[in-house]
Amino acid sequence: MFKKINIIIIAFLIAVNAYGAIVISTYRKPKEIKYKYKLTERGKVLIVPKDILFDFNSSSLDLEKYFKTLKYVGDVTSSTNIIDIIIEGHSSSDEIKKRITNIYGKKDILFLYNRRNLDELSYQRSYNVFLSITNGDTSKLTNYGLYDLVNEYEDIKKNRRVEFILIENTNDMNIYTNYINKLIMSNL
């Protein structure tokens, strides 16, 4: 009998914190999302439920059509340990583009650090997707416009897209930055 009372008192003391209040934990570990990616030269491209594609010379996003993808990307930011997701906006080679140039009329060598031009179509696409992801940890999202520098598809319509690059560690960021630097230098 005496042992039972001691156990009850010890259990009560464990439940009481330093301020004298009884602590009842309501914390629930968030459900972790399993995600897949394809490994490319520029890093890990997140595989999404539906690829986000745009109409010719348009940055308008059909929210109903891409709702699952936007929600999925938001969920990945909030329930995983990734550092960042880079939202890359792309345009096809036949669309009107406003290139960033320097005073000599050449492409800007500092393009990597100046990929946020609201007048540019690929940036507008990435920005609209960024604004449409309302769930999750938006501080883990970064958006850039890459013009038509990464046209991977023969079907020109597939190049009018947004892709999501996963940055899980500093090595991923180095791979991505080095790839973009090489790409820019080869296009100068």
C-alpha atoms as a PDB file:
ATOM      1  CA  MET A   1       0.000   0.000   0.000  1.00  0.00           C
ATOM      2  CA  PHE A   2       2.810   2.355   0.933  1.00  0.00           C
ATOM      3  CA  LYS A   3       4.586   1.636  -2.409  1.00  0.00           C
ATOM      4  CA  LYS A   4       1.417   2.523  -4.369  1.00  0.00           C
ATOM      5  CA  ILE A   5       1.132   5.878  -2.596  1.00  0.00           C
ATOM      6  CA  ASN A   6       4.809   6.648  -3.253  1.00  0.00           C
ATOM      7  CA  ILE A   7       4.383   5.795  -6.955  1.00  0.00           C
ATOM      8  CA  ILE A   8       1.307   8.050  -7.200  1.00  0.00           C
ATOM      9  CA  ILE A   9       3.141  10.933  -5.484  1.00  0.00           C
ATOM     10  CA  ILE A  10       6.208  10.521  -7.710  1.00  0.00           C
ATOM     11  CA  ALA A  11       4.024  10.427 -10.837  1.00  0.00           C
ATOM     12  CA  PHE A  12       2.242  13.612  -9.681  1.00  0.00           C
ATOM     13  CA  LEU A  13       5.542  15.375  -9.012  1.00  0.00           C
ATOM     14  CA  ILE A  14       6.799  14.439 -12.468  1.00  0.00           C
ATOM     15  CA  ALA A  15       3.647  15.922 -14.004  1.00  0.00           C
ATOM     16  CA  VAL A  16       4.083  19.216 -12.122  1.00  0.00           C
ATOM     17  CA  ASN A  17       6.586  21.621 -13.695  1.00  0.00           C
ATOM     18  CA  ALA A  18       8.788  24.201 -11.960  1.00  0.00           C
ATOM     19  CA  TYR A  19       5.921  26.729 -11.769  1.00  0.00           C
ATOM     20  CA  GLY A  20       3.620  24.370  -9.929  1.00  0.00           C
ATOM     21  CA  ALA A  21       1.277  23.746 -12.852  1.00  0.00           C
ATOM     22  CA  ILE A  22       0.326  20.364 -14.145  1.00  0.00           C
ATOM     23  CA  VAL A  23       1.759  19.838 -17.607  1.00  0.00           C
ATOM     24  CA  ILE A  24      -0.457  18.149 -20.122  1.00  0.00           C
ATOM     25  CA  SER A  25       1.205  17.794 -23.483  1.00  0.00           C
ATOM     26  CA  THR A  26      -0.935  18.402 -26.563  1.00  0.00           C
ATOM     27  CA  TYR A  27       1.978  18.330 -29.001  1.00  0.00           C
ATOM     28  CA  ARG A  28       1.494  16.078 -31.976  1.00  0.00           C
ATOM     29  CA  LYS A  29       4.331  15.329 -34.312  1.00  0.00           C
ATOM     30  CA  PRO A  30       3.330  16.480 -37.800  1.00  0.00           C
ATOM     31  CA  LYS A  31       2.779  13.786 -40.378  1.00  0.00           C
ATOM     32  CA  GLU A  32       5.943  13.521 -42.418  1.00  0.00           C
ATOM     33  CA  ILE A  33       5.441  13.559 -46.166  1.00  0.00           C
ATOM     34  CA  LYS A  34       7.355  11.184 -48.372  1.00  0.00           C
ATOM     35  CA  TYR A  35       8.525  12.974 -51.495  1.00  0.00           C
ATOM     36  CA  LYS A  36      10.332  11.876 -54.635  1.00  0.00           C
ATOM     37  CA  TYR A  37      12.705  13.726 -56.892  1.00  0.00           C
ATOM     38  CA  LYS A  38      14.633  13.161 -60.076  1.00  0.00           C
ATOM     39  CA  LEU A  39      18.351  13.846 -60.004  1.00  0.00           C
ATOM     40  CA  THR A  40      19.492  16.213 -62.757  1.00  0.00           C
ATOM     41  CA  GLU A  41      22.612  18.233 -63.540  1.00  0.00           C
ATOM     42  CA  ARG A  42      21.203  21.174 -61.609  1.00  0.00           C
ATOM     43  CA  GLY A  43      20.134  19.150 -58.587  1.00  0.00           C
ATOM     44  CA  LYS A  44      17.033  17.444 -57.243  1.00  0.00           C
ATOM     45  CA  VAL A  45      13.843  18.305 -59.156  1.00  0.00           C
ATOM     46  CA  LEU A  46      10.777  17.593 -57.026  1.00  0.00           C
ATOM     47  CA  ILE A  47       8.297  15.218 -58.671  1.00  0.00           C
ATOM     48  CA  VAL A  48       4.872  16.826 -58.276  1.00  0.00           C
ATOM     49  CA  PRO A  49       1.335  15.457 -58.830  1.00  0.00           C
ATOM     50  CA  LYS A  50       0.843  17.591 -61.960  1.00  0.00           C
ATOM     51  CA  ASP A  51       3.493  19.622 -63.796  1.00  0.00           C
ATOM     52  CA  ILE A  52       2.641  23.333 -63.895  1.00  0.00           C
ATOM     53  CA  LEU A  53       2.540  24.533 -67.504  1.00  0.00           C
ATOM     54  CA  PHE A  54       1.568  27.934 -68.903  1.00  0.00           C
ATOM     55  CA  ASP A  55      -0.064  29.236 -72.064  1.00  0.00           C
ATOM     56  CA  PHE A  56       1.966  31.099 -74.679  1.00  0.00           C
ATOM     57  CA  ASN A  57       3.239  34.475 -73.350  1.00  0.00           C
ATOM     58  CA  SER A  58       1.162  34.092 -70.180  1.00  0.00           C
ATOM     59  CA  SER A  59       1.979  33.938 -66.494  1.00  0.00           C
ATOM     60  CA  SER A  60      -1.624  33.277 -65.406  1.00  0.00           C
ATOM     61  CA  LEU A  61      -1.949  30.262 -63.138  1.00  0.00           C
ATOM     62  CA  ASP A  62      -5.050  28.042 -63.165  1.00  0.00           C
ATOM     63  CA  LEU A  63      -5.486  27.469 -59.407  1.00  0.00           C
ATOM     64  CA  GLU A  64      -8.151  24.780 -59.796  1.00  0.00           C
ATOM     65  CA  LYS A  65      -6.064  22.785 -62.248  1.00  0.00           C
ATOM     66  CA  TYR A  66      -2.886  22.911 -60.139  1.00  0.00           C
ATOM     67  CA  PHE A  67      -4.373  22.947 -56.620  1.00  0.00           C
ATOM     68  CA  LYS A  68      -2.989  19.496 -55.693  1.00  0.00           C
ATOM     69  CA  THR A  69       0.510  20.440 -56.832  1.00  0.00           C
ATOM     70  CA  LEU A  70       0.502  23.761 -54.944  1.00  0.00           C
ATOM     71  CA  LYS A  71      -0.792  22.091 -51.771  1.00  0.00           C
ATOM     72  CA  TYR A  72       1.753  19.281 -52.097  1.00  0.00           C
ATOM     73  CA  VAL A  73       4.694  21.704 -52.379  1.00  0.00           C
ATOM     74  CA  GLY A  74       3.412  23.624 -49.346  1.00  0.00           C
ATOM     75  CA  ASP A  75       3.085  20.381 -47.381  1.00  0.00           C
ATOM     76  CA  VAL A  76       6.643  19.362 -48.293  1.00  0.00           C
ATOM     77  CA  THR A  77       7.962  22.645 -46.860  1.00  0.00           C
ATOM     78  CA  SER A  78       6.169  22.201 -43.547  1.00  0.00           C
ATOM     79  CA  SER A  79       6.651  18.507 -42.856  1.00  0.00           C
ATOM     80  CA  THR A  80      10.211  17.801 -43.974  1.00  0.00           C
ATOM     81  CA  ASN A  81      13.688  18.938 -43.010  1.00  0.00           C
ATOM     82  CA  ILE A  82      14.530  20.504 -46.363  1.00  0.00           C
ATOM     83  CA  ILE A  83      16.321  23.846 -46.286  1.00  0.00           C
ATOM     84  CA  ASP A  84      14.721  25.421 -49.347  1.00  0.00           C
ATOM     85  CA  ILE A  85      12.674  24.811 -52.468  1.00  0.00           C
ATOM     86  CA  ILE A  86      13.666  26.934 -55.443  1.00  0.00           C
ATOM     87  CA  ILE A  87      10.721  27.706 -57.704  1.00  0.00           C
ATOM     88  CA  GLU A  88      12.190  28.034 -61.191  1.00  0.00           C
ATOM     89  CA  GLY A  89      10.152  29.825 -63.825  1.00  0.00           C
ATOM     90  CA  HIS A  90      10.937  28.975 -67.456  1.00  0.00           C
ATOM     91  CA  SER A  91       9.861  30.320 -70.826  1.00  0.00           C
ATOM     92  CA  SER A  92      10.073  28.777 -74.281  1.00  0.00           C
ATOM     93  CA  SER A  93      12.375  30.074 -76.984  1.00  0.00           C
ATOM     94  CA  ASP A  94       9.473  31.487 -79.056  1.00  0.00           C
ATOM     95  CA  GLU A  95       8.058  33.731 -76.318  1.00  0.00           C
ATOM     96  CA  ILE A  96       8.724  37.438 -75.879  1.00  0.00           C
ATOM     97  CA  LYS A  97      11.459  37.958 -73.341  1.00  0.00           C
ATOM     98  CA  LYS A  98      13.094  40.987 -71.853  1.00  0.00           C
ATOM     99  CA  ARG A  99      16.739  40.117 -71.290  1.00  0.00           C
ATOM    100  CA  ILE A 100      18.712  41.780 -68.546  1.00  0.00           C
ATOM    101  CA  THR A 101      21.676  43.452 -70.229  1.00  0.00           C
ATOM    102  CA  ASN A 102      24.554  45.606 -69.126  1.00  0.00           C
ATOM    103  CA  ILE A 103      25.525  48.976 -70.634  1.00  0.00           C
ATOM    104  CA  TYR A 104      27.419  47.202 -73.437  1.00  0.00           C
ATOM    105  CA  GLY A 105      24.314  45.349 -74.631  1.00  0.00           C
ATOM    106  CA  LYS A 106      25.604  41.966 -73.471  1.00  0.00           C
ATOM    107  CA  LYS A 107      23.794  39.616 -71.142  1.00  0.00           C
ATOM    108  CA  ASP A 108      24.405  40.512 -67.523  1.00  0.00           C
ATOM    109  CA  ILE A 109      27.160  38.393 -65.992  1.00  0.00           C
ATOM    110  CA  LEU A 110      25.535  38.977 -62.588  1.00  0.00           C
ATOM    111  CA  PHE A 111      22.340  37.287 -63.805  1.00  0.00           C
ATOM    112  CA  LEU A 112      22.569  34.685 -61.050  1.00  0.00           C
ATOM    113  CA  TYR A 113      22.083  37.394 -58.452  1.00  0.00           C
ATOM    114  CA  ASN A 114      19.476  39.339 -60.420  1.00  0.00           C
ATOM    115  CA  ARG A 115      16.845  36.786 -61.426  1.00  0.00           C
ATOM    116  CA  ARG A 116      13.956  38.750 -59.937  1.00  0.00           C
ATOM    117  CA  ASN A 117      12.781  41.047 -62.686  1.00  0.00           C
ATOM    118  CA  LEU A 118       8.989  41.485 -62.610  1.00  0.00           C
ATOM    119  CA  ASP A 119       9.009  42.545 -66.267  1.00  0.00           C
ATOM    120  CA  GLU A 120      10.340  39.159 -67.299  1.00  0.00           C
ATOM    121  CA  LEU A 121       7.886  36.339 -68.136  1.00  0.00           C
ATOM    122  CA  SER A 122       9.755  33.443 -66.501  1.00  0.00           C
ATOM    123  CA  TYR A 123      10.046  35.382 -63.241  1.00  0.00           C
ATOM    124  CA  GLN A 124       6.337  36.298 -63.336  1.00  0.00           C
ATOM    125  CA  ARG A 125       5.526  32.588 -63.622  1.00  0.00           C
ATOM    126  CA  SER A 126       7.666  31.636 -60.624  1.00  0.00           C
ATOM    127  CA  TYR A 127       6.327  34.584 -58.630  1.00  0.00           C
ATOM    128  CA  ASN A 128       2.672  33.677 -59.295  1.00  0.00           C
ATOM    129  CA  VAL A 129       3.321  30.105 -58.158  1.00  0.00           C
ATOM    130  CA  PHE A 130       5.135  31.415 -55.059  1.00  0.00           C
ATOM    131  CA  LEU A 131       2.118  33.605 -54.161  1.00  0.00           C
ATOM    132  CA  SER A 132      -0.296  30.714 -54.733  1.00  0.00           C
ATOM    133  CA  ILE A 133       1.336  28.375 -52.204  1.00  0.00           C
ATOM    134  CA  THR A 134      -0.559  29.447 -49.113  1.00  0.00           C
ATOM    135  CA  ASN A 135       0.009  26.431 -46.866  1.00  0.00           C
ATOM    136  CA  GLY A 136       3.284  25.294 -45.399  1.00  0.00           C
ATOM    137  CA  ASP A 137       6.426  27.189 -44.497  1.00  0.00           C
ATOM    138  CA  THR A 138       6.741  29.850 -47.203  1.00  0.00           C
ATOM    139  CA  SER A 139      10.044  31.023 -45.715  1.00  0.00           C
ATOM    140  CA  LYS A 140      11.511  27.873 -47.295  1.00  0.00           C
ATOM    141  CA  LEU A 141      10.500  29.015 -50.794  1.00  0.00           C
ATOM    142  CA  THR A 142      12.639  31.036 -53.197  1.00  0.00           C
ATOM    143  CA  ASN A 143      11.581  31.964 -56.721  1.00  0.00           C
ATOM    144  CA  TYR A 144      13.662  32.785 -59.784  1.00  0.00           C
ATOM    145  CA  GLY A 145      13.102  33.314 -63.480  1.00  0.00           C
ATOM    146  CA  LEU A 146      15.525  31.490 -65.792  1.00  0.00           C
ATOM    147  CA  TYR A 147      14.231  32.691 -69.171  1.00  0.00           C
ATOM    148  CA  ASP A 148      14.705  29.933 -71.740  1.00  0.00           C
ATOM    149  CA  LEU A 149      18.130  28.859 -70.475  1.00  0.00           C
ATOM    150  CA  VAL A 150      16.945  25.367 -69.480  1.00  0.00           C
ATOM    151  CA  ASN A 151      14.796  24.183 -72.391  1.00  0.00           C
ATOM    152  CA  GLU A 152      14.848  20.429 -71.854  1.00  0.00           C
ATOM    153  CA  TYR A 153      11.876  19.391 -73.951  1.00  0.00           C
ATOM    154  CA  GLU A 154      11.417  19.095 -77.710  1.00  0.00           C
ATOM    155  CA  ASP A 155       7.733  19.926 -77.273  1.00  0.00           C
ATOM    156  CA  ILE A 156       8.015  23.690 -76.900  1.00  0.00           C
ATOM    157  CA  LYS A 157       4.827  23.862 -74.768  1.00  0.00           C
ATOM    158  CA  LYS A 158       6.498  21.822 -72.003  1.00  0.00           C
ATOM    159  CA  ASN A 159       9.237  24.449 -71.707  1.00  0.00           C
ATOM    160  CA  ARG A 160       6.656  27.030 -70.509  1.00  0.00           C
ATOM    161  CA  ARG A 161       6.776  25.645 -67.014  1.00  0.00           C
ATOM    162  CA  VAL A 162       7.688  25.995 -63.372  1.00  0.00           C
ATOM    163  CA  GLU A 163       9.884  23.430 -61.652  1.00  0.00           C
ATOM    164  CA  PHE A 164      10.763  22.933 -57.993  1.00  0.00           C
ATOM    165  CA  ILE A 165      14.402  22.319 -57.018  1.00  0.00           C
ATOM    166  CA  LEU A 166      14.947  20.712 -53.600  1.00  0.00           C
ATOM    167  CA  ILE A 167      17.754  22.033 -51.443  1.00  0.00           C
ATOM    168  CA  GLU A 168      18.242  19.541 -48.616  1.00  0.00           C
ATOM    169  CA  ASN A 169      21.782  20.557 -47.665  1.00  0.00           C
ATOM    170  CA  THR A 170      24.613  22.899 -48.634  1.00  0.00           C
ATOM    171  CA  ASN A 171      25.909  20.413 -51.198  1.00  0.00           C
ATOM    172  CA  ASP A 172      22.592  20.682 -53.074  1.00  0.00           C
ATOM    173  CA  MET A 173      22.911  24.466 -53.099  1.00  0.00           C
ATOM    174  CA  ASN A 174      26.481  24.236 -54.408  1.00  0.00           C
ATOM    175  CA  ILE A 175      25.402  21.890 -57.222  1.00  0.00           C
ATOM    176  CA  TYR A 176      22.583  24.240 -58.204  1.00  0.00           C
ATOM    177  CA  THR A 177      24.685  27.419 -58.048  1.00  0.00           C
ATOM    178  CA  ASN A 178      27.558  25.860 -60.018  1.00  0.00           C
ATOM    179  CA  TYR A 179      25.174  24.602 -62.697  1.00  0.00           C
ATOM    180  CA  ILE A 180      23.550  28.027 -63.111  1.00  0.00           C
ATOM    181  CA  ASN A 181      26.969  29.736 -63.229  1.00  0.00           C
ATOM    182  CA  LYS A 182      28.166  27.353 -65.981  1.00  0.00           C
ATOM    183  CA  LEU A 183      24.909  27.863 -67.874  1.00  0.00           C
ATOM    184  CA  ILE A 184      25.231  31.633 -67.761  1.00  0.00           C
ATOM    185  CA  MET A 185      28.890  31.605 -68.765  1.00  0.00           C
ATOM    186  CA  SER A 186      28.110  29.388 -71.753  1.00  0.00           C
ATOM    187  CA  ASN A 187      25.385  31.805 -72.889  1.00  0.00           C
ATOM    188  CA  LEU A 188      27.461  34.991 -72.670  1.00  0.00           C
END
